[in-house]
Amino acid sequence: MHAKILVGEKEVLMFFESMYQDHLQIAAQTIVKHLSNAQVRKVFDDIGLVNITNKEITLFSLDGEMETLRIS
């Protein structure tokens, strides 16, 4: 499944298994909390998509970089 979610002021395409649909808002909040990290910010600025599992969020940039965050 996928959904477009507002993260900060940016609309982000998130992919997830249907059983993790309730993780969308937590994932958005986790990304916002980590934007002060320079590497996370760099990937987020060129975001292509986000994949969500039960324990982590992986951000993929359009230039091939990725960053994985633990859901908190």
PDB file of N, CA and C in Angstrom:
ATOM      1  N   MET A   1       0.848  -1.174   0.000  1.00  0.00           N
ATOM      2  CA  MET A   1       0.000   0.000   0.000  1.00  0.00           C
ATOM      3  C   MET A   1       0.891   1.232   0.000  1.00  0.00           C
ATOM      4  N   HIS A   2       0.301   2.359  -0.341  1.00  0.00           N
ATOM      5  CA  HIS A   2       1.026   3.610  -0.268  1.00  0.00           C
ATOM      6  C   HIS A   2       0.061   4.748   0.037  1.00  0.00           C
ATOM      7  N   ALA A   3       0.637   5.834   0.531  1.00  0.00           N
ATOM      8  CA  ALA A   3      -0.152   7.022   0.848  1.00  0.00           C
ATOM      9  C   ALA A   3       0.758   8.234   0.784  1.00  0.00           C
ATOM     10  N   LYS A   4       0.180   9.378   0.469  1.00  0.00           N
ATOM     11  CA  LYS A   4       0.912  10.640   0.538  1.00  0.00           C
ATOM     12  C   LYS A   4       0.588  11.270   1.883  1.00  0.00           C
ATOM     13  N   ILE A   5       1.633  11.577   2.630  1.00  0.00           N
ATOM     14  CA  ILE A   5       1.491  12.123   3.981  1.00  0.00           C
ATOM     15  C   ILE A   5       2.272  13.422   4.062  1.00  0.00           C
ATOM     16  N   LEU A   6       1.738  14.403   4.762  1.00  0.00           N
ATOM     17  CA  LEU A   6       2.419  15.658   4.978  1.00  0.00           C
ATOM     18  C   LEU A   6       3.425  15.488   6.110  1.00  0.00           C
ATOM     19  N   VAL A   7       4.696  15.736   5.802  1.00  0.00           N
ATOM     20  CA  VAL A   7       5.773  15.662   6.798  1.00  0.00           C
ATOM     21  C   VAL A   7       6.405  17.044   6.828  1.00  0.00           C
ATOM     22  N   GLY A   8       6.208  17.759   7.935  1.00  0.00           N
ATOM     23  CA  GLY A   8       6.615  19.158   7.937  1.00  0.00           C
ATOM     24  C   GLY A   8       5.712  19.876   6.947  1.00  0.00           C
ATOM     25  N   GLU A   9       6.328  20.491   5.941  1.00  0.00           N
ATOM     26  CA  GLU A   9       5.551  21.151   4.898  1.00  0.00           C
ATOM     27  C   GLU A   9       5.710  20.466   3.552  1.00  0.00           C
ATOM     28  N   LYS A  10       6.186  19.229   3.569  1.00  0.00           N
ATOM     29  CA  LYS A  10       6.445  18.489   2.333  1.00  0.00           C
ATOM     30  C   LYS A  10       5.541  17.260   2.272  1.00  0.00           C
ATOM     31  N   GLU A  11       4.942  17.034   1.088  1.00  0.00           N
ATOM     32  CA  GLU A  11       4.142  15.841   0.885  1.00  0.00           C
ATOM     33  C   GLU A  11       5.077  14.690   0.502  1.00  0.00           C
ATOM     34  N   VAL A  12       4.992  13.590   1.238  1.00  0.00           N
ATOM     35  CA  VAL A  12       5.910  12.469   1.080  1.00  0.00           C
ATOM     36  C   VAL A  12       5.121  11.218   0.723  1.00  0.00           C
ATOM     37  N   LEU A  13       5.636  10.447  -0.227  1.00  0.00           N
ATOM     38  CA  LEU A  13       5.022   9.180  -0.619  1.00  0.00           C
ATOM     39  C   LEU A  13       5.571   8.081   0.284  1.00  0.00           C
ATOM     40  N   MET A  14       4.683   7.428   1.038  1.00  0.00           N
ATOM     41  CA  MET A  14       5.082   6.378   1.970  1.00  0.00           C
ATOM     42  C   MET A  14       4.514   5.037   1.520  1.00  0.00           C
ATOM     43  N   PHE A  15       5.369   4.010   1.530  1.00  0.00           N
ATOM     44  CA  PHE A  15       4.966   2.646   1.195  1.00  0.00           C
ATOM     45  C   PHE A  15       4.981   1.812   2.465  1.00  0.00           C
ATOM     46  N   PHE A  16       4.011   0.900   2.582  1.00  0.00           N
ATOM     47  CA  PHE A  16       3.895   0.112   3.807  1.00  0.00           C
ATOM     48  C   PHE A  16       3.000  -1.092   3.551  1.00  0.00           C
ATOM     49  N   GLU A  17       3.164  -2.122   4.371  1.00  0.00           N
ATOM     50  CA  GLU A  17       2.249  -3.264   4.369  1.00  0.00           C
ATOM     51  C   GLU A  17       0.961  -2.804   5.063  1.00  0.00           C
ATOM     52  N   SER A  18      -0.171  -3.333   4.671  1.00  0.00           N
ATOM     53  CA  SER A  18      -1.453  -2.881   5.221  1.00  0.00           C
ATOM     54  C   SER A  18      -1.499  -2.962   6.748  1.00  0.00           C
ATOM     55  N   MET A  19      -0.809  -3.934   7.323  1.00  0.00           N
ATOM     56  CA  MET A  19      -0.828  -4.063   8.788  1.00  0.00           C
ATOM     57  C   MET A  19      -0.111  -2.922   9.500  1.00  0.00           C
ATOM     58  N   TYR A  20       0.668  -2.099   8.757  1.00  0.00           N
ATOM     59  CA  TYR A  20       1.400  -0.986   9.359  1.00  0.00           C
ATOM     60  C   TYR A  20       0.763   0.363   9.042  1.00  0.00           C
ATOM     61  N   GLN A  21      -0.456   0.358   8.531  1.00  0.00           N
ATOM     62  CA  GLN A  21      -1.125   1.595   8.164  1.00  0.00           C
ATOM     63  C   GLN A  21      -1.262   2.545   9.349  1.00  0.00           C
ATOM     64  N   ASP A  22      -1.411   1.996  10.539  1.00  0.00           N
ATOM     65  CA  ASP A  22      -1.538   2.839  11.729  1.00  0.00           C
ATOM     66  C   ASP A  22      -0.206   3.478  12.150  1.00  0.00           C
ATOM     67  N   HIS A  23       0.895   3.153  11.460  1.00  0.00           N
ATOM     68  CA  HIS A  23       2.209   3.724  11.768  1.00  0.00           C
ATOM     69  C   HIS A  23       2.481   5.024  11.013  1.00  0.00           C
ATOM     70  N   LEU A  24       1.589   5.452  10.125  1.00  0.00           N
ATOM     71  CA  LEU A  24       1.874   6.595   9.253  1.00  0.00           C
ATOM     72  C   LEU A  24       2.161   7.882  10.025  1.00  0.00           C
ATOM     73  N   GLN A  25       1.315   8.234  10.960  1.00  0.00           N
ATOM     74  CA  GLN A  25       1.526   9.481  11.709  1.00  0.00           C
ATOM     75  C   GLN A  25       2.758   9.394  12.610  1.00  0.00           C
ATOM     76  N   ILE A  26       2.985   8.236  13.202  1.00  0.00           N
ATOM     77  CA  ILE A  26       4.187   8.052  14.028  1.00  0.00           C
ATOM     78  C   ILE A  26       5.429   8.172  13.159  1.00  0.00           C
ATOM     79  N   ALA A  27       5.375   7.622  11.952  1.00  0.00           N
ATOM     80  CA  ALA A  27       6.505   7.718  11.024  1.00  0.00           C
ATOM     81  C   ALA A  27       6.770   9.177  10.669  1.00  0.00           C
ATOM     82  N   ALA A  28       5.730   9.931  10.371  1.00  0.00           N
ATOM     83  CA  ALA A  28       5.892  11.351  10.043  1.00  0.00           C
ATOM     84  C   ALA A  28       6.509  12.109  11.215  1.00  0.00           C
ATOM     85  N   GLN A  29       6.043  11.850  12.418  1.00  0.00           N
ATOM     86  CA  GLN A  29       6.585  12.511  13.610  1.00  0.00           C
ATOM     87  C   GLN A  29       8.043  12.130  13.827  1.00  0.00           C
ATOM     88  N   THR A  30       8.387  10.868  13.595  1.00  0.00           N
ATOM     89  CA  THR A  30       9.771  10.410  13.765  1.00  0.00           C
ATOM     90  C   THR A  30      10.690  11.108  12.767  1.00  0.00           C
ATOM     91  N   ILE A  31      10.254  11.233  11.537  1.00  0.00           N
ATOM     92  CA  ILE A  31      11.074  11.924  10.530  1.00  0.00           C
ATOM     93  C   ILE A  31      11.305  13.370  10.952  1.00  0.00           C
ATOM     94  N   VAL A  32      10.252  14.063  11.351  1.00  0.00           N
ATOM     95  CA  VAL A  32      10.379  15.466  11.772  1.00  0.00           C
ATOM     96  C   VAL A  32      11.355  15.591  12.940  1.00  0.00           C
ATOM     97  N   LYS A  33      11.285  14.672  13.897  1.00  0.00           N
ATOM     98  CA  LYS A  33      12.201  14.709  15.058  1.00  0.00           C
ATOM     99  C   LYS A  33      13.656  14.563  14.645  1.00  0.00           C
ATOM    100  N   HIS A  34      13.936  13.857  13.533  1.00  0.00           N
ATOM    101  CA  HIS A  34      15.314  13.601  13.110  1.00  0.00           C
ATOM    102  C   HIS A  34      15.832  14.574  12.059  1.00  0.00           C
ATOM    103  N   LEU A  35      15.043  15.562  11.669  1.00  0.00           N
ATOM    104  CA  LEU A  35      15.480  16.483  10.619  1.00  0.00           C
ATOM    105  C   LEU A  35      16.640  17.381  11.030  1.00  0.00           C
ATOM    106  N   SER A  36      16.926  17.466  12.316  1.00  0.00           N
ATOM    107  CA  SER A  36      18.087  18.243  12.756  1.00  0.00           C
ATOM    108  C   SER A  36      19.407  17.536  12.431  1.00  0.00           C
ATOM    109  N   ASN A  37      19.345  16.223  12.152  1.00  0.00           N
ATOM    110  CA  ASN A  37      20.518  15.457  11.735  1.00  0.00           C
ATOM    111  C   ASN A  37      20.805  15.805  10.273  1.00  0.00           C
ATOM    112  N   ALA A  38      22.031  16.232   9.986  1.00  0.00           N
ATOM    113  CA  ALA A  38      22.391  16.704   8.644  1.00  0.00           C
ATOM    114  C   ALA A  38      22.176  15.654   7.564  1.00  0.00           C
ATOM    115  N   GLN A  39      22.509  14.401   7.835  1.00  0.00           N
ATOM    116  CA  GLN A  39      22.350  13.347   6.833  1.00  0.00           C
ATOM    117  C   GLN A  39      20.874  13.063   6.559  1.00  0.00           C
ATOM    118  N   VAL A  40      20.079  13.021   7.616  1.00  0.00           N
ATOM    119  CA  VAL A  40      18.640  12.802   7.451  1.00  0.00           C
ATOM    120  C   VAL A  40      18.046  13.964   6.663  1.00  0.00           C
ATOM    121  N   ARG A  41      18.444  15.194   6.988  1.00  0.00           N
ATOM    122  CA  ARG A  41      17.944  16.379   6.286  1.00  0.00           C
ATOM    123  C   ARG A  41      18.307  16.320   4.799  1.00  0.00           C
ATOM    124  N   LYS A  42      19.539  15.901   4.498  1.00  0.00           N
ATOM    125  CA  LYS A  42      19.990  15.817   3.103  1.00  0.00           C
ATOM    126  C   LYS A  42      19.118  14.833   2.311  1.00  0.00           C
ATOM    127  N   VAL A  43      18.877  13.657   2.879  1.00  0.00           N
ATOM    128  CA  VAL A  43      18.044  12.659   2.203  1.00  0.00           C
ATOM    129  C   VAL A  43      16.608  13.170   2.091  1.00  0.00           C
ATOM    130  N   PHE A  44      16.093  13.783   3.156  1.00  0.00           N
ATOM    131  CA  PHE A  44      14.723  14.290   3.151  1.00  0.00           C
ATOM    132  C   PHE A  44      14.534  15.398   2.115  1.00  0.00           C
ATOM    133  N   ASP A  45      15.527  16.260   1.947  1.00  0.00           N
ATOM    134  CA  ASP A  45      15.404  17.360   0.991  1.00  0.00           C
ATOM    135  C   ASP A  45      15.245  16.856  -0.437  1.00  0.00           C
ATOM    136  N   ASP A  46      15.829  15.692  -0.759  1.00  0.00           N
ATOM    137  CA  ASP A  46      15.713  15.090  -2.092  1.00  0.00           C
ATOM    138  C   ASP A  46      14.882  13.810  -2.043  1.00  0.00           C
ATOM    139  N   ILE A  47      13.891  13.765  -1.149  1.00  0.00           N
ATOM    140  CA  ILE A  47      13.140  12.537  -0.893  1.00  0.00           C
ATOM    141  C   ILE A  47      12.456  12.015  -2.150  1.00  0.00           C
ATOM    142  N   GLY A  48      12.563  10.708  -2.329  1.00  0.00           N
ATOM    143  CA  GLY A  48      11.842  10.041  -3.399  1.00  0.00           C
ATOM    144  C   GLY A  48      10.656   9.303  -2.817  1.00  0.00           C
ATOM    145  N   LEU A  49      10.947   8.491  -1.787  1.00  0.00           N
ATOM    146  CA  LEU A  49       9.882   7.760  -1.115  1.00  0.00           C
ATOM    147  C   LEU A  49      10.346   7.309   0.258  1.00  0.00           C
ATOM    148  N   VAL A  50       9.389   6.826   1.040  1.00  0.00           N
ATOM    149  CA  VAL A  50       9.645   6.338   2.395  1.00  0.00           C
ATOM    150  C   VAL A  50       9.014   4.954   2.508  1.00  0.00           C
ATOM    151  N   ASN A  51       9.738   4.015   3.099  1.00  0.00           N
ATOM    152  CA  ASN A  51       9.200   2.681   3.366  1.00  0.00           C
ATOM    153  C   ASN A  51       9.061   2.515   4.878  1.00  0.00           C
ATOM    154  N   ILE A  52       7.905   2.008   5.307  1.00  0.00           N
ATOM    155  CA  ILE A  52       7.636   1.842   6.741  1.00  0.00           C
ATOM    156  C   ILE A  52       7.453   0.365   7.057  1.00  0.00           C
ATOM    157  N   THR A  53       8.116  -0.089   8.124  1.00  0.00           N
ATOM    158  CA  THR A  53       7.875  -1.431   8.659  1.00  0.00           C
ATOM    159  C   THR A  53       7.406  -1.268  10.100  1.00  0.00           C
ATOM    160  N   ASN A  54       7.350  -2.348  10.841  1.00  0.00           N
ATOM    161  CA  ASN A  54       6.878  -2.254  12.221  1.00  0.00           C
ATOM    162  C   ASN A  54       7.878  -1.580  13.151  1.00  0.00           C
ATOM    163  N   LYS A  55       9.161  -1.538  12.779  1.00  0.00           N
ATOM    164  CA  LYS A  55      10.172  -0.992  13.687  1.00  0.00           C
ATOM    165  C   LYS A  55      11.004   0.135  13.106  1.00  0.00           C
ATOM    166  N   GLU A  56      10.965   0.331  11.768  1.00  0.00           N
ATOM    167  CA  GLU A  56      11.821   1.361  11.199  1.00  0.00           C
ATOM    168  C   GLU A  56      11.220   2.023   9.969  1.00  0.00           C
ATOM    169  N   ILE A  57      11.797   3.158   9.654  1.00  0.00           N
ATOM    170  CA  ILE A  57      11.403   3.966   8.511  1.00  0.00           C
ATOM    171  C   ILE A  57      12.660   4.145   7.672  1.00  0.00           C
ATOM    172  N   THR A  58      12.571   3.866   6.386  1.00  0.00           N
ATOM    173  CA  THR A  58      13.712   4.080   5.505  1.00  0.00           C
ATOM    174  C   THR A  58      13.348   5.152   4.495  1.00  0.00           C
ATOM    175  N   LEU A  59      14.171   6.206   4.457  1.00  0.00           N
ATOM    176  CA  LEU A  59      13.986   7.293   3.514  1.00  0.00           C
ATOM    177  C   LEU A  59      14.902   7.046   2.323  1.00  0.00           C
ATOM    178  N   PHE A  60      14.376   7.188   1.125  1.00  0.00           N
ATOM    179  CA  PHE A  60      15.149   7.020  -0.104  1.00  0.00           C
ATOM    180  C   PHE A  60      15.128   8.333  -0.865  1.00  0.00           C
ATOM    181  N   SER A  61      16.317   8.854  -1.205  1.00  0.00           N
ATOM    182  CA  SER A  61      16.372  10.101  -1.961  1.00  0.00           C
ATOM    183  C   SER A  61      16.370   9.807  -3.456  1.00  0.00           C
ATOM    184  N   LEU A  62      16.112  10.829  -4.234  1.00  0.00           N
ATOM    185  CA  LEU A  62      16.099  10.695  -5.685  1.00  0.00           C
ATOM    186  C   LEU A  62      17.482  10.425  -6.257  1.00  0.00           C
ATOM    187  N   ASP A  63      18.534  10.771  -5.491  1.00  0.00           N
ATOM    188  CA  ASP A  63      19.897  10.528  -5.987  1.00  0.00           C
ATOM    189  C   ASP A  63      20.510   9.238  -5.445  1.00  0.00           C
ATOM    190  N   GLY A  64      19.671   8.365  -4.864  1.00  0.00           N
ATOM    191  CA  GLY A  64      20.127   7.039  -4.459  1.00  0.00           C
ATOM    192  C   GLY A  64      20.603   6.897  -3.029  1.00  0.00           C
ATOM    193  N   GLU A  65      20.570   7.965  -2.246  1.00  0.00           N
ATOM    194  CA  GLU A  65      20.971   7.853  -0.838  1.00  0.00           C
ATOM    195  C   GLU A  65      19.782   7.365  -0.018  1.00  0.00           C
ATOM    196  N   MET A  66      20.102   6.755   1.116  1.00  0.00           N
ATOM    197  CA  MET A  66      19.041   6.295   2.007  1.00  0.00           C
ATOM    198  C   MET A  66      19.470   6.479   3.455  1.00  0.00           C
ATOM    199  N   GLU A  67      18.485   6.575   4.302  1.00  0.00           N
ATOM    200  CA  GLU A  67      18.711   6.733   5.739  1.00  0.00           C
ATOM    201  C   GLU A  67      17.601   5.977   6.459  1.00  0.00           C
ATOM    202  N   THR A  68      17.977   5.158   7.450  1.00  0.00           N
ATOM    203  CA  THR A  68      17.001   4.364   8.203  1.00  0.00           C
ATOM    204  C   THR A  68      16.893   4.897   9.621  1.00  0.00           C
ATOM    205  N   LEU A  69      15.652   5.064  10.075  1.00  0.00           N
ATOM    206  CA  LEU A  69      15.357   5.578  11.420  1.00  0.00           C
ATOM    207  C   LEU A  69      14.515   4.560  12.175  1.00  0.00           C
ATOM    208  N   ARG A  70      14.778   4.420  13.451  1.00  0.00           N
ATOM    209  CA  ARG A  70      13.931   3.568  14.313  1.00  0.00           C
ATOM    210  C   ARG A  70      12.663   4.353  14.638  1.00  0.00           C
ATOM    211  N   ILE A  71      11.529   3.695  14.597  1.00  0.00           N
ATOM    212  CA  ILE A  71      10.271   4.360  14.957  1.00  0.00           C
ATOM    213  C   ILE A  71      10.290   4.656  16.439  1.00  0.00           C
ATOM    214  N   SER A  72       9.994   5.913  16.752  1.00  0.00           N
ATOM    215  CA  SER A  72       9.992   6.305  18.177  1.00  0.00           C
ATOM    216  C   SER A  72       8.778   7.154  18.477  1.00  0.00           C
TER     217      SER A  72
END
